[in-house]
């Protein structure tokens, strides 16, 4: 049996995929209202009946608000290839280093698109 919890975070930021053909819409500077969903999993629950207390995910909210919200992601992350897929991996790595129960991260750029990183 595996327990899973998720928490959703929102931020707005710009990016540009500079290696795409000039006529591709994502080659232009543009922005998204991102949604990030972090999933934590565990085979057992702690003494309080949690996989992890949701309050313990507040450092991710602070990181997003302080470092990414309303910024140009290419500059912040030092990467010309800031895709939803790479953002999912970035958030996974950030969370896994702090929350060992992290099992997956999903990132949405639009209401109809999602990218997921799950090792």
C-alpha atoms as a PDB file:
ATOM      1  CA  UNK A   1       0.000   0.000   0.000  1.00  0.00           C
ATOM      2  CA  UNK A   2       1.272   3.455  -0.893  1.00  0.00           C
ATOM      3  CA  UNK A   3      -0.004   6.738   0.483  1.00  0.00           C
ATOM      4  CA  UNK A   4       0.199   9.814  -1.735  1.00  0.00           C
ATOM      5  CA  UNK A   5      -0.418  13.474  -1.021  1.00  0.00           C
ATOM      6  CA  UNK A   6      -0.165  16.462  -3.339  1.00  0.00           C
ATOM      7  CA  UNK A   7      -0.004  20.200  -2.935  1.00  0.00           C
ATOM      8  CA  UNK A   8      -0.502  22.811  -5.641  1.00  0.00           C
ATOM      9  CA  UNK A   9       1.415  26.066  -6.078  1.00  0.00           C
ATOM     10  CA  UNK A  10       0.897  28.946  -8.535  1.00  0.00           C
ATOM     11  CA  UNK A  11       3.167  31.592 -10.014  1.00  0.00           C
ATOM     12  CA  UNK A  12       3.476  33.780 -13.095  1.00  0.00           C
ATOM     13  CA  UNK A  13       6.692  34.147 -15.057  1.00  0.00           C
ATOM     14  CA  UNK A  14       8.104  34.647 -18.527  1.00  0.00           C
ATOM     15  CA  UNK A  15      10.454  32.526 -20.599  1.00  0.00           C
ATOM     16  CA  UNK A  16      11.689  32.179 -24.145  1.00  0.00           C
ATOM     17  CA  UNK A  17      12.771  29.069 -26.042  1.00  0.00           C
ATOM     18  CA  UNK A  18      15.512  30.663 -28.093  1.00  0.00           C
ATOM     19  CA  UNK A  19      16.578  27.566 -30.031  1.00  0.00           C
ATOM     20  CA  UNK A  20      13.209  27.163 -31.767  1.00  0.00           C
ATOM     21  CA  UNK A  21      12.623  28.538 -35.278  1.00  0.00           C
ATOM     22  CA  UNK A  22      11.919  32.268 -35.267  1.00  0.00           C
ATOM     23  CA  UNK A  23       8.341  31.726 -36.467  1.00  0.00           C
ATOM     24  CA  UNK A  24       7.508  29.369 -33.563  1.00  0.00           C
ATOM     25  CA  UNK A  25       5.300  31.112 -30.981  1.00  0.00           C
ATOM     26  CA  UNK A  26       7.455  29.883 -28.081  1.00  0.00           C
ATOM     27  CA  UNK A  27      10.586  31.425 -29.592  1.00  0.00           C
ATOM     28  CA  UNK A  28       9.142  34.814 -28.681  1.00  0.00           C
ATOM     29  CA  UNK A  29       9.303  36.185 -25.155  1.00  0.00           C
ATOM     30  CA  UNK A  30       6.066  35.139 -23.460  1.00  0.00           C
ATOM     31  CA  UNK A  31       4.660  34.234 -20.081  1.00  0.00           C
ATOM     32  CA  UNK A  32       2.497  31.691 -18.316  1.00  0.00           C
ATOM     33  CA  UNK A  33       0.472  31.325 -15.172  1.00  0.00           C
ATOM     34  CA  UNK A  34       2.223  28.193 -13.974  1.00  0.00           C
ATOM     35  CA  UNK A  35       0.738  25.538 -11.740  1.00  0.00           C
ATOM     36  CA  UNK A  36       3.131  23.227  -9.902  1.00  0.00           C
ATOM     37  CA  UNK A  37       1.834  20.095  -8.192  1.00  0.00           C
ATOM     38  CA  UNK A  38       4.211  18.295  -5.845  1.00  0.00           C
ATOM     39  CA  UNK A  39       3.477  14.684  -4.955  1.00  0.00           C
ATOM     40  CA  UNK A  40       4.871  12.987  -1.848  1.00  0.00           C
ATOM     41  CA  UNK A  41       4.538   9.248  -1.241  1.00  0.00           C
ATOM     42  CA  UNK A  42       5.148   6.836   1.583  1.00  0.00           C
ATOM     43  CA  UNK A  43       4.429   3.246   2.481  1.00  0.00           C
ATOM     44  CA  UNK A  44       3.822   4.246   6.091  1.00  0.00           C
ATOM     45  CA  UNK A  45       2.456   7.266   7.904  1.00  0.00           C
ATOM     46  CA  UNK A  46       4.210   9.212  10.634  1.00  0.00           C
ATOM     47  CA  UNK A  47       3.022   9.302  14.245  1.00  0.00           C
ATOM     48  CA  UNK A  48       0.433  11.974  13.305  1.00  0.00           C
ATOM     49  CA  UNK A  49      -1.036   9.942  10.452  1.00  0.00           C
ATOM     50  CA  UNK A  50       0.657  12.007   7.696  1.00  0.00           C
ATOM     51  CA  UNK A  51       2.949  11.196   4.810  1.00  0.00           C
ATOM     52  CA  UNK A  52       4.244  14.700   5.562  1.00  0.00           C
ATOM     53  CA  UNK A  53       2.527  17.685   7.184  1.00  0.00           C
ATOM     54  CA  UNK A  54       1.422  20.035   4.374  1.00  0.00           C
ATOM     55  CA  UNK A  55       2.847  22.935   6.390  1.00  0.00           C
ATOM     56  CA  UNK A  56       6.306  21.481   5.784  1.00  0.00           C
ATOM     57  CA  UNK A  57       5.946  22.358   2.098  1.00  0.00           C
ATOM     58  CA  UNK A  58       5.878  26.096   2.869  1.00  0.00           C
ATOM     59  CA  UNK A  59       9.595  26.491   1.977  1.00  0.00           C
ATOM     60  CA  UNK A  60       8.653  25.638  -1.622  1.00  0.00           C
ATOM     61  CA  UNK A  61       6.044  28.391  -1.605  1.00  0.00           C
ATOM     62  CA  UNK A  62       8.650  30.835  -0.308  1.00  0.00           C
ATOM     63  CA  UNK A  63      11.156  29.719  -2.959  1.00  0.00           C
ATOM     64  CA  UNK A  64       8.581  30.174  -5.727  1.00  0.00           C
ATOM     65  CA  UNK A  65       7.404  33.555  -4.415  1.00  0.00           C
ATOM     66  CA  UNK A  66      10.880  34.927  -3.733  1.00  0.00           C
ATOM     67  CA  UNK A  67      12.867  33.531  -6.671  1.00  0.00           C
ATOM     68  CA  UNK A  68      10.516  32.727  -9.563  1.00  0.00           C
ATOM     69  CA  UNK A  69       7.243  34.652  -9.384  1.00  0.00           C
ATOM     70  CA  UNK A  70       7.051  37.518 -11.890  1.00  0.00           C
ATOM     71  CA  UNK A  71      10.573  36.881 -13.149  1.00  0.00           C
ATOM     72  CA  UNK A  72      12.157  35.819 -16.432  1.00  0.00           C
ATOM     73  CA  UNK A  73      12.921  32.140 -15.916  1.00  0.00           C
ATOM     74  CA  UNK A  74      15.741  32.002 -18.479  1.00  0.00           C
ATOM     75  CA  UNK A  75      17.648  34.531 -16.367  1.00  0.00           C
ATOM     76  CA  UNK A  76      16.798  33.026 -12.988  1.00  0.00           C
ATOM     77  CA  UNK A  77      17.622  29.453 -13.981  1.00  0.00           C
ATOM     78  CA  UNK A  78      20.492  30.346 -16.329  1.00  0.00           C
ATOM     79  CA  UNK A  79      19.029  28.221 -19.102  1.00  0.00           C
ATOM     80  CA  UNK A  80      17.791  28.965 -22.628  1.00  0.00           C
ATOM     81  CA  UNK A  81      15.705  25.770 -22.593  1.00  0.00           C
ATOM     82  CA  UNK A  82      13.179  26.441 -19.820  1.00  0.00           C
ATOM     83  CA  UNK A  83      10.427  24.027 -20.777  1.00  0.00           C
ATOM     84  CA  UNK A  84       7.653  22.665 -18.577  1.00  0.00           C
ATOM     85  CA  UNK A  85       9.485  19.336 -18.604  1.00  0.00           C
ATOM     86  CA  UNK A  86      12.691  20.908 -17.317  1.00  0.00           C
ATOM     87  CA  UNK A  87      10.785  22.940 -14.737  1.00  0.00           C
ATOM     88  CA  UNK A  88       9.192  19.730 -13.446  1.00  0.00           C
ATOM     89  CA  UNK A  89      12.668  18.207 -13.020  1.00  0.00           C
ATOM     90  CA  UNK A  90      13.974  21.412 -11.412  1.00  0.00           C
ATOM     91  CA  UNK A  91      11.160  21.415  -8.839  1.00  0.00           C
ATOM     92  CA  UNK A  92      11.534  17.674  -8.269  1.00  0.00           C
ATOM     93  CA  UNK A  93      15.239  18.056  -7.496  1.00  0.00           C
ATOM     94  CA  UNK A  94      14.604  21.080  -5.256  1.00  0.00           C
ATOM     95  CA  UNK A  95      11.903  19.235  -3.305  1.00  0.00           C
ATOM     96  CA  UNK A  96      13.654  15.851  -3.134  1.00  0.00           C
ATOM     97  CA  UNK A  97      16.702  17.481  -1.506  1.00  0.00           C
ATOM     98  CA  UNK A  98      14.443  18.823   1.276  1.00  0.00           C
ATOM     99  CA  UNK A  99      11.554  16.345   1.342  1.00  0.00           C
ATOM    100  CA  UNK A 100      12.730  12.767   0.736  1.00  0.00           C
ATOM    101  CA  UNK A 101       9.134  11.598   0.223  1.00  0.00           C
ATOM    102  CA  UNK A 102       8.911  13.590  -3.036  1.00  0.00           C
ATOM    103  CA  UNK A 103       7.812  11.152  -5.744  1.00  0.00           C
ATOM    104  CA  UNK A 104       6.762  13.380  -8.662  1.00  0.00           C
ATOM    105  CA  UNK A 105       6.217  16.959  -9.789  1.00  0.00           C
ATOM    106  CA  UNK A 106       3.786  18.174 -12.445  1.00  0.00           C
ATOM    107  CA  UNK A 107       3.975  21.584 -14.123  1.00  0.00           C
ATOM    108  CA  UNK A 108       1.251  23.225 -16.182  1.00  0.00           C
ATOM    109  CA  UNK A 109       1.758  26.194 -18.484  1.00  0.00           C
ATOM    110  CA  UNK A 110      -1.841  26.261 -19.714  1.00  0.00           C
ATOM    111  CA  UNK A 111      -5.104  24.758 -18.465  1.00  0.00           C
ATOM    112  CA  UNK A 112      -4.795  21.927 -21.006  1.00  0.00           C
ATOM    113  CA  UNK A 113      -1.096  21.018 -20.816  1.00  0.00           C
ATOM    114  CA  UNK A 114       0.974  19.237 -18.175  1.00  0.00           C
ATOM    115  CA  UNK A 115       4.528  17.948 -17.933  1.00  0.00           C
ATOM    116  CA  UNK A 116       5.547  15.521 -15.218  1.00  0.00           C
ATOM    117  CA  UNK A 117       8.853  14.333 -13.808  1.00  0.00           C
ATOM    118  CA  UNK A 118       8.639  11.018 -11.967  1.00  0.00           C
ATOM    119  CA  UNK A 119      11.806   8.944 -11.599  1.00  0.00           C
END
